[in-house]
Amino acid sequence: MKKVFNYFLIGVLAFIPVVVILQIVWFVKERFADLIKMVYGYYENYAVTFTLFFISFALFAYIGYRVSMGRSSIIAAIDAIIHRIPFLNTIYRVTKKIVNLVSGHEPQKAREVVYIEYPKEGLWVPAYVTNKENDRYILFVPTSPNPTSGFTVIVHESKVRKSQMNIEQATSFIISVGVDYDKSQEANELPK
């Protein structure tokens, strides 16, 4: 009976990633359906609804193309307007920098992953380099299993150990609570 119960638990645990993905798909489907219902509620015509969605998709694709080629005049106009609004300009500027960091549009220095000793000497955690000022690193230290939560620290470059991991690998390492770690040679090279 104990073996059967163990097999049952292993089977349940094996389905957790599937359930997480299904929850995400369900959430996106519900939000998309709500959006269609909202637009359809105004026009009550599927042709108009799908035309609006097609135009929106084409507009976003065009803006994405222009942004990837350099600068979009539409985004520049929105930037100029929002930068004149107190308080909102700060939120907009910070959000834009975070999106650029994650999407890869920030300079290479901001896409670095390093190790720092935390919470005490001899314990190493990965951190994202968000900025560098002279000999000081400004780092975001994410927490497991949610890499969007964490804290920001400023450390001297002597306290930092470079990593070969990129942002995606470090994020996968953090989300998986260390299970997905393909840079084990780095762990062996860290000081004790």
N, C-alpha and C. Protein backbone atom coordinates (compact mmCIF):
# COMPACT_ATOMS: atom_id res chain seq x y z
N MET A 1 0.82 -1.19 0.00
CA MET A 1 0.00 0.00 0.00
C MET A 1 0.87 1.26 0.00
N LYS A 2 1.99 1.22 0.73
CA LYS A 2 2.89 2.36 0.80
C LYS A 2 3.48 2.66 -0.58
N LYS A 3 3.85 1.60 -1.33
CA LYS A 3 4.40 1.79 -2.68
C LYS A 3 3.37 2.42 -3.61
N VAL A 4 2.14 1.97 -3.54
CA VAL A 4 1.07 2.51 -4.38
C VAL A 4 0.87 3.99 -4.07
N PHE A 5 0.87 4.33 -2.78
CA PHE A 5 0.70 5.73 -2.38
C PHE A 5 1.89 6.57 -2.89
N ASN A 6 3.11 6.04 -2.82
CA ASN A 6 4.28 6.75 -3.36
C ASN A 6 4.15 6.97 -4.86
N TYR A 7 3.70 5.94 -5.58
CA TYR A 7 3.51 6.08 -7.02
C TYR A 7 2.45 7.13 -7.32
N PHE A 8 1.38 7.14 -6.50
CA PHE A 8 0.34 8.15 -6.66
C PHE A 8 0.93 9.56 -6.49
N LEU A 9 1.71 9.79 -5.46
CA LEU A 9 2.32 11.10 -5.22
C LEU A 9 3.27 11.50 -6.36
N ILE A 10 4.05 10.55 -6.86
CA ILE A 10 4.96 10.82 -7.98
C ILE A 10 4.14 11.21 -9.21
N GLY A 11 3.02 10.51 -9.44
CA GLY A 11 2.15 10.84 -10.57
C GLY A 11 1.56 12.23 -10.44
N VAL A 12 1.12 12.60 -9.22
CA VAL A 12 0.58 13.94 -8.99
C VAL A 12 1.67 15.00 -9.24
N LEU A 13 2.85 14.77 -8.71
CA LEU A 13 3.95 15.73 -8.89
C LEU A 13 4.35 15.85 -10.35
N ALA A 14 4.25 14.76 -11.10
CA ALA A 14 4.60 14.80 -12.52
C ALA A 14 3.65 15.69 -13.31
N PHE A 15 2.40 15.83 -12.83
CA PHE A 15 1.42 16.65 -13.52
C PHE A 15 1.45 18.13 -13.13
N ILE A 16 2.21 18.50 -12.13
CA ILE A 16 2.24 19.91 -11.70
C ILE A 16 2.66 20.84 -12.83
N PRO A 17 3.74 20.57 -13.59
CA PRO A 17 4.07 21.48 -14.70
C PRO A 17 2.96 21.58 -15.74
N VAL A 18 2.28 20.48 -16.00
CA VAL A 18 1.18 20.49 -16.97
C VAL A 18 0.05 21.38 -16.46
N VAL A 19 -0.28 21.26 -15.17
CA VAL A 19 -1.35 22.06 -14.58
C VAL A 19 -0.99 23.55 -14.61
N VAL A 20 0.27 23.87 -14.32
CA VAL A 20 0.70 25.28 -14.36
C VAL A 20 0.52 25.84 -15.76
N ILE A 21 0.95 25.11 -16.77
CA ILE A 21 0.80 25.57 -18.15
C ILE A 21 -0.67 25.69 -18.52
N LEU A 22 -1.49 24.73 -18.12
CA LEU A 22 -2.92 24.81 -18.41
C LEU A 22 -3.56 26.02 -17.73
N GLN A 23 -3.12 26.34 -16.52
CA GLN A 23 -3.65 27.52 -15.82
C GLN A 23 -3.29 28.80 -16.58
N ILE A 24 -2.07 28.88 -17.07
CA ILE A 24 -1.65 30.05 -17.82
C ILE A 24 -2.46 30.16 -19.12
N VAL A 25 -2.61 29.05 -19.83
CA VAL A 25 -3.39 29.05 -21.07
C VAL A 25 -4.83 29.44 -20.78
N TRP A 26 -5.42 28.88 -19.73
CA TRP A 26 -6.79 29.20 -19.36
C TRP A 26 -6.94 30.69 -19.04
N PHE A 27 -5.99 31.25 -18.28
CA PHE A 27 -6.03 32.67 -17.91
C PHE A 27 -5.99 33.55 -19.17
N VAL A 28 -5.05 33.26 -20.09
CA VAL A 28 -4.94 34.04 -21.32
C VAL A 28 -6.20 33.91 -22.16
N LYS A 29 -6.72 32.69 -22.26
CA LYS A 29 -7.96 32.47 -23.02
C LYS A 29 -9.12 33.27 -22.44
N GLU A 30 -9.25 33.26 -21.12
CA GLU A 30 -10.34 34.02 -20.47
C GLU A 30 -10.19 35.51 -20.71
N ARG A 31 -8.97 36.04 -20.60
CA ARG A 31 -8.77 37.48 -20.82
C ARG A 31 -9.06 37.83 -22.28
N PHE A 32 -8.64 36.98 -23.20
CA PHE A 32 -8.89 37.24 -24.62
C PHE A 32 -10.38 37.17 -24.91
N ALA A 33 -11.06 36.18 -24.32
CA ALA A 33 -12.51 36.06 -24.52
C ALA A 33 -13.23 37.28 -23.94
N ASP A 34 -12.80 37.74 -22.77
CA ASP A 34 -13.39 38.95 -22.18
C ASP A 34 -13.21 40.15 -23.09
N LEU A 35 -12.02 40.26 -23.68
CA LEU A 35 -11.75 41.37 -24.59
C LEU A 35 -12.65 41.31 -25.82
N ILE A 36 -12.81 40.12 -26.38
CA ILE A 36 -13.68 39.97 -27.56
C ILE A 36 -15.11 40.30 -27.19
N LYS A 37 -15.56 39.83 -26.01
CA LYS A 37 -16.93 40.13 -25.58
C LYS A 37 -17.13 41.63 -25.39
N MET A 38 -16.10 42.30 -24.86
CA MET A 38 -16.21 43.73 -24.63
C MET A 38 -16.33 44.47 -25.97
N VAL A 39 -15.46 44.14 -26.92
CA VAL A 39 -15.51 44.79 -28.23
C VAL A 39 -16.79 44.40 -28.96
N TYR A 40 -17.15 43.14 -28.91
CA TYR A 40 -18.36 42.67 -29.60
C TYR A 40 -19.60 43.31 -29.00
N GLY A 41 -19.57 43.57 -27.69
CA GLY A 41 -20.71 44.21 -27.03
C GLY A 41 -21.00 45.59 -27.59
N TYR A 42 -19.99 46.27 -28.09
CA TYR A 42 -20.20 47.61 -28.66
C TYR A 42 -20.76 47.53 -30.08
N TYR A 43 -20.31 46.56 -30.84
CA TYR A 43 -20.67 46.52 -32.26
C TYR A 43 -21.60 45.37 -32.63
N GLU A 44 -21.63 44.29 -31.84
CA GLU A 44 -22.46 43.11 -32.08
C GLU A 44 -22.34 42.59 -33.51
N ASN A 45 -21.12 42.62 -33.99
CA ASN A 45 -20.85 42.13 -35.34
C ASN A 45 -19.44 41.54 -35.33
N TYR A 46 -19.32 40.23 -35.58
CA TYR A 46 -18.02 39.57 -35.54
C TYR A 46 -17.07 40.12 -36.58
N ALA A 47 -17.57 40.54 -37.72
CA ALA A 47 -16.70 41.08 -38.78
C ALA A 47 -16.00 42.35 -38.28
N VAL A 48 -16.74 43.21 -37.62
CA VAL A 48 -16.15 44.44 -37.07
C VAL A 48 -15.16 44.09 -35.97
N THR A 49 -15.53 43.15 -35.10
CA THR A 49 -14.66 42.75 -34.00
C THR A 49 -13.33 42.21 -34.53
N PHE A 50 -13.38 41.28 -35.48
CA PHE A 50 -12.15 40.70 -36.01
C PHE A 50 -11.36 41.71 -36.83
N THR A 51 -12.04 42.63 -37.49
CA THR A 51 -11.33 43.70 -38.22
C THR A 51 -10.55 44.58 -37.24
N LEU A 52 -11.19 44.93 -36.12
CA LEU A 52 -10.51 45.74 -35.11
C LEU A 52 -9.29 45.00 -34.55
N PHE A 53 -9.45 43.70 -34.29
CA PHE A 53 -8.31 42.93 -33.78
C PHE A 53 -7.20 42.81 -34.82
N PHE A 54 -7.56 42.63 -36.08
CA PHE A 54 -6.55 42.54 -37.13
C PHE A 54 -5.79 43.87 -37.26
N ILE A 55 -6.53 44.98 -37.23
CA ILE A 55 -5.88 46.31 -37.32
C ILE A 55 -4.96 46.52 -36.11
N SER A 56 -5.42 46.13 -34.92
CA SER A 56 -4.60 46.26 -33.71
C SER A 56 -3.33 45.42 -33.82
N PHE A 57 -3.49 44.18 -34.30
CA PHE A 57 -2.33 43.30 -34.46
C PHE A 57 -1.34 43.91 -35.45
N ALA A 58 -1.84 44.39 -36.57
CA ALA A 58 -0.96 44.99 -37.58
C ALA A 58 -0.26 46.23 -37.03
N LEU A 59 -0.97 47.05 -36.27
CA LEU A 59 -0.38 48.25 -35.69
C LEU A 59 0.74 47.89 -34.72
N PHE A 60 0.49 46.93 -33.83
CA PHE A 60 1.53 46.52 -32.88
C PHE A 60 2.73 45.90 -33.60
N ALA A 61 2.48 45.11 -34.64
CA ALA A 61 3.58 44.53 -35.41
C ALA A 61 4.41 45.62 -36.08
N TYR A 62 3.74 46.62 -36.63
CA TYR A 62 4.43 47.74 -37.27
C TYR A 62 5.26 48.51 -36.25
N ILE A 63 4.68 48.80 -35.09
CA ILE A 63 5.42 49.52 -34.04
C ILE A 63 6.61 48.68 -33.59
N GLY A 64 6.41 47.37 -33.43
CA GLY A 64 7.52 46.49 -33.05
C GLY A 64 8.64 46.51 -34.07
N TYR A 65 8.26 46.50 -35.35
CA TYR A 65 9.26 46.57 -36.42
C TYR A 65 10.04 47.88 -36.34
N ARG A 66 9.33 49.01 -36.17
CA ARG A 66 9.98 50.32 -36.10
C ARG A 66 10.89 50.43 -34.88
N VAL A 67 10.44 49.90 -33.75
CA VAL A 67 11.26 49.94 -32.54
C VAL A 67 12.53 49.11 -32.73
N SER A 68 12.39 47.93 -33.36
CA SER A 68 13.56 47.07 -33.58
C SER A 68 14.54 47.69 -34.57
N MET A 69 14.06 48.55 -35.46
CA MET A 69 14.92 49.21 -36.44
C MET A 69 15.56 50.50 -35.89
N GLY A 70 15.14 50.92 -34.74
CA GLY A 70 15.71 52.14 -34.17
C GLY A 70 14.73 52.83 -33.26
N ARG A 71 13.91 53.66 -33.83
CA ARG A 71 12.98 54.46 -33.00
C ARG A 71 11.66 54.62 -33.74
N SER A 72 10.59 54.46 -33.00
CA SER A 72 9.25 54.63 -33.56
C SER A 72 8.75 56.03 -33.23
N SER A 73 8.23 56.72 -34.23
CA SER A 73 7.70 58.06 -33.99
C SER A 73 6.46 58.02 -33.11
N ILE A 74 5.69 56.94 -33.19
CA ILE A 74 4.51 56.80 -32.34
C ILE A 74 4.94 56.69 -30.87
N ILE A 75 5.91 55.83 -30.60
CA ILE A 75 6.41 55.67 -29.23
C ILE A 75 7.08 56.95 -28.76
N ALA A 76 7.82 57.61 -29.64
CA ALA A 76 8.47 58.87 -29.27
C ALA A 76 7.44 59.93 -28.88
N ALA A 77 6.32 59.99 -29.60
CA ALA A 77 5.26 60.95 -29.27
C ALA A 77 4.63 60.61 -27.92
N ILE A 78 4.39 59.33 -27.68
CA ILE A 78 3.83 58.92 -26.39
C ILE A 78 4.81 59.24 -25.27
N ASP A 79 6.12 58.96 -25.49
CA ASP A 79 7.15 59.30 -24.51
C ASP A 79 7.12 60.78 -24.16
N ALA A 80 7.05 61.62 -25.18
CA ALA A 80 7.06 63.08 -24.97
C ALA A 80 5.87 63.53 -24.14
N ILE A 81 4.71 62.93 -24.39
CA ILE A 81 3.51 63.31 -23.63
C ILE A 81 3.62 62.84 -22.18
N ILE A 82 4.00 61.59 -21.98
CA ILE A 82 4.05 61.03 -20.62
C ILE A 82 5.15 61.69 -19.79
N HIS A 83 6.26 62.08 -20.41
CA HIS A 83 7.35 62.70 -19.66
C HIS A 83 6.96 64.06 -19.09
N ARG A 84 5.86 64.61 -19.53
CA ARG A 84 5.39 65.91 -19.02
C ARG A 84 4.42 65.76 -17.85
N ILE A 85 4.03 64.54 -17.54
CA ILE A 85 3.04 64.31 -16.48
C ILE A 85 3.79 63.88 -15.21
N PRO A 86 3.72 64.71 -14.16
CA PRO A 86 4.41 64.35 -12.91
C PRO A 86 3.91 63.01 -12.37
N PHE A 87 4.77 62.32 -11.67
CA PHE A 87 4.54 61.03 -11.05
C PHE A 87 4.41 59.91 -12.08
N LEU A 88 3.54 60.06 -13.07
CA LEU A 88 3.39 59.02 -14.09
C LEU A 88 4.67 58.87 -14.91
N ASN A 89 5.40 59.97 -15.12
CA ASN A 89 6.63 59.88 -15.90
C ASN A 89 7.67 59.00 -15.20
N THR A 90 7.70 59.02 -13.86
CA THR A 90 8.64 58.17 -13.13
C THR A 90 8.27 56.70 -13.28
N ILE A 91 6.99 56.39 -13.10
CA ILE A 91 6.53 55.01 -13.25
C ILE A 91 6.79 54.52 -14.67
N TYR A 92 6.49 55.35 -15.65
CA TYR A 92 6.67 54.99 -17.06
C TYR A 92 8.16 54.74 -17.37
N ARG A 93 9.02 55.64 -16.91
CA ARG A 93 10.45 55.52 -17.19
C ARG A 93 11.03 54.25 -16.58
N VAL A 94 10.68 53.96 -15.33
CA VAL A 94 11.20 52.77 -14.66
C VAL A 94 10.65 51.50 -15.32
N THR A 95 9.36 51.50 -15.62
CA THR A 95 8.76 50.33 -16.27
C THR A 95 9.41 50.08 -17.63
N LYS A 96 9.66 51.14 -18.36
CA LYS A 96 10.29 51.01 -19.68
C LYS A 96 11.70 50.42 -19.56
N LYS A 97 12.45 50.87 -18.55
CA LYS A 97 13.81 50.33 -18.35
C LYS A 97 13.76 48.85 -17.99
N ILE A 98 12.81 48.46 -17.15
CA ILE A 98 12.70 47.05 -16.77
C ILE A 98 12.33 46.19 -17.97
N VAL A 99 11.38 46.66 -18.77
CA VAL A 99 10.98 45.92 -19.98
C VAL A 99 12.16 45.81 -20.93
N ASN A 100 12.93 46.88 -21.10
CA ASN A 100 14.10 46.84 -21.98
C ASN A 100 15.16 45.89 -21.45
N LEU A 101 15.32 45.82 -20.13
CA LEU A 101 16.29 44.90 -19.54
C LEU A 101 15.90 43.46 -19.85
N VAL A 102 14.63 43.13 -19.62
CA VAL A 102 14.17 41.76 -19.83
C VAL A 102 14.13 41.39 -21.31
N SER A 103 13.75 42.35 -22.16
CA SER A 103 13.61 42.04 -23.59
C SER A 103 14.93 42.06 -24.34
N GLY A 104 15.99 42.54 -23.71
CA GLY A 104 17.29 42.54 -24.36
C GLY A 104 17.63 43.81 -25.09
N HIS A 105 16.87 44.89 -24.89
CA HIS A 105 17.16 46.16 -25.54
C HIS A 105 18.04 47.08 -24.70
N GLU A 106 18.48 46.60 -23.53
CA GLU A 106 19.39 47.36 -22.69
C GLU A 106 20.82 47.06 -23.13
N PRO A 107 21.78 47.91 -22.77
CA PRO A 107 23.18 47.61 -23.09
C PRO A 107 23.62 46.28 -22.47
N GLN A 108 24.68 45.72 -23.02
CA GLN A 108 25.13 44.40 -22.59
C GLN A 108 25.47 44.34 -21.11
N LYS A 109 25.98 45.44 -20.53
CA LYS A 109 26.33 45.42 -19.11
C LYS A 109 25.12 45.09 -18.25
N ALA A 110 23.94 45.45 -18.71
CA ALA A 110 22.73 45.21 -17.94
C ALA A 110 22.17 43.82 -18.18
N ARG A 111 22.82 43.02 -18.99
CA ARG A 111 22.34 41.66 -19.26
C ARG A 111 23.29 40.63 -18.65
N GLU A 112 24.11 41.07 -17.75
CA GLU A 112 25.10 40.19 -17.12
C GLU A 112 24.49 39.49 -15.91
N VAL A 113 25.01 38.31 -15.63
CA VAL A 113 24.65 37.59 -14.41
C VAL A 113 25.94 37.38 -13.62
N VAL A 114 25.87 37.64 -12.34
CA VAL A 114 27.03 37.47 -11.46
C VAL A 114 26.60 36.71 -10.21
N TYR A 115 27.58 36.30 -9.42
CA TYR A 115 27.32 35.69 -8.12
C TYR A 115 27.78 36.66 -7.04
N ILE A 116 27.02 36.73 -5.96
CA ILE A 116 27.46 37.47 -4.78
C ILE A 116 27.24 36.60 -3.55
N GLU A 117 27.97 36.90 -2.50
CA GLU A 117 27.80 36.16 -1.25
C GLU A 117 26.61 36.75 -0.49
N TYR A 118 25.62 35.90 -0.27
CA TYR A 118 24.44 36.34 0.48
C TYR A 118 23.73 35.11 1.01
N PRO A 119 23.22 35.07 2.18
CA PRO A 119 23.13 36.11 3.21
C PRO A 119 24.35 36.21 4.10
N LYS A 120 25.33 35.33 3.89
CA LYS A 120 26.58 35.44 4.64
C LYS A 120 27.72 34.89 3.80
N GLU A 121 28.93 35.07 4.26
CA GLU A 121 30.10 34.59 3.50
C GLU A 121 30.02 33.09 3.29
N GLY A 122 30.41 32.68 2.10
CA GLY A 122 30.42 31.26 1.76
C GLY A 122 29.15 30.77 1.10
N LEU A 123 28.09 31.58 1.10
CA LEU A 123 26.85 31.23 0.43
C LEU A 123 26.70 32.14 -0.78
N TRP A 124 26.56 31.56 -1.97
CA TRP A 124 26.55 32.34 -3.22
C TRP A 124 25.18 32.30 -3.88
N VAL A 125 24.74 33.44 -4.36
CA VAL A 125 23.47 33.53 -5.08
C VAL A 125 23.69 34.27 -6.40
N PRO A 126 22.92 33.91 -7.43
CA PRO A 126 23.03 34.66 -8.69
C PRO A 126 22.31 36.00 -8.57
N ALA A 127 22.81 36.99 -9.30
CA ALA A 127 22.20 38.32 -9.32
C ALA A 127 22.32 38.88 -10.73
N TYR A 128 21.36 39.73 -11.10
CA TYR A 128 21.37 40.39 -12.40
C TYR A 128 22.05 41.74 -12.25
N VAL A 129 22.98 42.04 -13.15
CA VAL A 129 23.60 43.37 -13.16
C VAL A 129 22.62 44.31 -13.85
N THR A 130 22.17 45.32 -13.12
CA THR A 130 21.24 46.28 -13.72
C THR A 130 21.94 47.57 -14.12
N ASN A 131 23.11 47.83 -13.50
CA ASN A 131 23.86 49.03 -13.83
C ASN A 131 25.25 48.90 -13.22
N LYS A 132 26.16 49.74 -13.68
CA LYS A 132 27.51 49.76 -13.13
C LYS A 132 28.00 51.20 -13.09
N GLU A 133 28.45 51.63 -11.93
CA GLU A 133 28.99 52.98 -11.74
C GLU A 133 30.41 52.85 -11.21
N ASN A 134 31.38 53.18 -12.06
CA ASN A 134 32.81 53.07 -11.69
C ASN A 134 33.11 51.66 -11.22
N ASP A 135 33.51 51.50 -9.94
CA ASP A 135 33.86 50.17 -9.44
C ASP A 135 32.73 49.54 -8.62
N ARG A 136 31.53 50.05 -8.77
CA ARG A 136 30.36 49.55 -8.04
C ARG A 136 29.35 48.92 -9.00
N TYR A 137 28.85 47.78 -8.60
CA TYR A 137 27.80 47.11 -9.36
C TYR A 137 26.46 47.35 -8.67
N ILE A 138 25.45 47.66 -9.45
CA ILE A 138 24.09 47.73 -8.94
C ILE A 138 23.42 46.45 -9.41
N LEU A 139 22.98 45.65 -8.45
CA LEU A 139 22.49 44.30 -8.74
C LEU A 139 21.07 44.12 -8.25
N PHE A 140 20.32 43.30 -8.99
CA PHE A 140 19.03 42.84 -8.51
C PHE A 140 19.22 41.38 -8.14
N VAL A 141 18.95 41.06 -6.88
CA VAL A 141 19.08 39.69 -6.39
C VAL A 141 17.68 39.09 -6.31
N PRO A 142 17.33 38.21 -7.27
CA PRO A 142 15.99 37.62 -7.29
C PRO A 142 15.87 36.51 -6.24
N THR A 143 14.64 36.23 -5.85
CA THR A 143 14.39 35.16 -4.88
C THR A 143 13.65 34.02 -5.56
N SER A 144 13.89 32.81 -5.09
CA SER A 144 13.24 31.61 -5.63
C SER A 144 11.89 31.44 -4.96
N PRO A 145 10.93 30.89 -5.64
CA PRO A 145 10.90 30.50 -7.05
C PRO A 145 10.39 31.62 -7.96
N ASN A 146 10.19 32.82 -7.42
CA ASN A 146 9.65 33.93 -8.21
C ASN A 146 10.74 34.96 -8.48
N PRO A 147 11.35 34.95 -9.66
CA PRO A 147 12.47 35.85 -9.92
C PRO A 147 12.07 37.32 -10.07
N THR A 148 10.78 37.61 -10.05
CA THR A 148 10.37 39.02 -10.12
C THR A 148 10.40 39.67 -8.75
N SER A 149 10.48 38.88 -7.69
CA SER A 149 10.64 39.46 -6.36
C SER A 149 12.10 39.33 -5.96
N GLY A 150 12.54 40.23 -5.14
CA GLY A 150 13.93 40.23 -4.71
C GLY A 150 14.29 41.59 -4.16
N PHE A 151 15.56 41.93 -4.23
CA PHE A 151 16.01 43.21 -3.70
C PHE A 151 17.19 43.71 -4.50
N THR A 152 17.45 45.00 -4.37
CA THR A 152 18.53 45.66 -5.11
C THR A 152 19.65 46.02 -4.15
N VAL A 153 20.88 45.75 -4.56
CA VAL A 153 22.04 46.07 -3.73
C VAL A 153 23.10 46.75 -4.58
N ILE A 154 23.96 47.49 -3.91
CA ILE A 154 25.13 48.09 -4.55
C ILE A 154 26.35 47.47 -3.89
N VAL A 155 27.20 46.85 -4.69
CA VAL A 155 28.38 46.17 -4.13
C VAL A 155 29.63 46.58 -4.91
N HIS A 156 30.75 46.47 -4.23
CA HIS A 156 32.05 46.73 -4.88
C HIS A 156 32.36 45.58 -5.81
N GLU A 157 33.05 45.89 -6.91
CA GLU A 157 33.35 44.85 -7.90
C GLU A 157 34.17 43.70 -7.34
N SER A 158 34.90 43.92 -6.24
CA SER A 158 35.69 42.84 -5.63
C SER A 158 34.80 41.78 -4.98
N LYS A 159 33.55 42.11 -4.71
CA LYS A 159 32.61 41.19 -4.07
C LYS A 159 31.80 40.38 -5.09
N VAL A 160 32.06 40.61 -6.36
CA VAL A 160 31.27 40.01 -7.43
C VAL A 160 32.10 38.95 -8.15
N ARG A 161 31.48 37.83 -8.45
CA ARG A 161 32.11 36.78 -9.27
C ARG A 161 31.30 36.66 -10.55
N LYS A 162 31.97 36.76 -11.69
CA LYS A 162 31.29 36.67 -12.99
C LYS A 162 30.72 35.28 -13.22
N SER A 163 29.63 35.24 -13.96
CA SER A 163 28.99 33.99 -14.33
C SER A 163 28.92 33.89 -15.84
N GLN A 164 28.90 32.68 -16.35
CA GLN A 164 28.71 32.45 -17.79
C GLN A 164 27.23 32.31 -18.14
N MET A 165 26.37 32.32 -17.11
CA MET A 165 24.94 32.20 -17.36
C MET A 165 24.41 33.48 -18.01
N ASN A 166 23.42 33.32 -18.88
CA ASN A 166 22.73 34.50 -19.38
C ASN A 166 21.47 34.70 -18.53
N ILE A 167 20.71 35.76 -18.81
CA ILE A 167 19.52 36.08 -18.01
C ILE A 167 18.52 34.92 -18.01
N GLU A 168 18.31 34.31 -19.16
CA GLU A 168 17.33 33.23 -19.27
C GLU A 168 17.76 32.01 -18.44
N GLN A 169 19.04 31.66 -18.50
CA GLN A 169 19.53 30.52 -17.73
C GLN A 169 19.43 30.79 -16.23
N ALA A 170 19.78 32.01 -15.82
CA ALA A 170 19.70 32.36 -14.39
C ALA A 170 18.25 32.34 -13.92
N THR A 171 17.36 32.85 -14.75
CA THR A 171 15.94 32.85 -14.38
C THR A 171 15.41 31.43 -14.26
N SER A 172 15.80 30.56 -15.19
CA SER A 172 15.40 29.16 -15.12
C SER A 172 15.94 28.50 -13.86
N PHE A 173 17.18 28.80 -13.51
CA PHE A 173 17.81 28.28 -12.28
C PHE A 173 17.01 28.71 -11.05
N ILE A 174 16.59 29.98 -11.03
CA ILE A 174 15.87 30.51 -9.87
C ILE A 174 14.47 29.93 -9.79
N ILE A 175 13.75 29.88 -10.92
CA ILE A 175 12.39 29.35 -10.92
C ILE A 175 12.38 27.87 -10.52
N SER A 176 13.37 27.13 -10.98
CA SER A 176 13.42 25.70 -10.69
C SER A 176 14.03 25.39 -9.33
N VAL A 177 14.29 26.41 -8.54
CA VAL A 177 14.96 26.30 -7.24
C VAL A 177 16.23 25.45 -7.32
N GLY A 178 16.99 25.69 -8.37
CA GLY A 178 18.30 25.06 -8.51
C GLY A 178 18.33 23.76 -9.28
N VAL A 179 17.18 23.22 -9.65
CA VAL A 179 17.15 21.94 -10.37
C VAL A 179 17.73 22.10 -11.77
N ASP A 180 17.38 23.19 -12.45
CA ASP A 180 17.86 23.45 -13.81
C ASP A 180 19.13 24.31 -13.73
N TYR A 181 20.26 23.64 -13.59
CA TYR A 181 21.54 24.35 -13.42
C TYR A 181 22.59 23.66 -14.27
N ASP A 182 22.87 24.21 -15.44
CA ASP A 182 23.82 23.57 -16.35
C ASP A 182 25.21 24.18 -16.27
N LYS A 183 25.48 24.99 -15.26
CA LYS A 183 26.81 25.61 -15.08
C LYS A 183 27.44 25.11 -13.78
N SER A 184 27.38 23.81 -13.54
CA SER A 184 27.88 23.27 -12.27
C SER A 184 29.37 23.49 -12.08
N GLN A 185 30.13 23.64 -13.17
CA GLN A 185 31.55 23.91 -13.02
C GLN A 185 31.77 25.27 -12.36
N GLU A 186 30.84 26.22 -12.58
CA GLU A 186 30.93 27.52 -11.92
C GLU A 186 30.79 27.39 -10.41
N ALA A 187 29.91 26.53 -9.98
CA ALA A 187 29.70 26.33 -8.54
C ALA A 187 30.97 25.81 -7.89
N ASN A 188 31.69 24.96 -8.59
CA ASN A 188 32.93 24.42 -8.04
C ASN A 188 34.05 25.44 -7.99
N GLU A 189 33.97 26.49 -8.81
CA GLU A 189 35.01 27.51 -8.86
C GLU A 189 34.78 28.65 -7.87
N LEU A 190 33.60 28.71 -7.25
CA LEU A 190 33.32 29.76 -6.29
C LEU A 190 34.11 29.52 -5.00
N PRO A 191 34.65 30.59 -4.39
CA PRO A 191 35.41 30.41 -3.14
C PRO A 191 34.53 29.83 -2.02
N LYS A 192 35.19 29.15 -1.10
CA LYS A 192 34.45 28.54 0.03
C LYS A 192 34.27 29.55 1.13
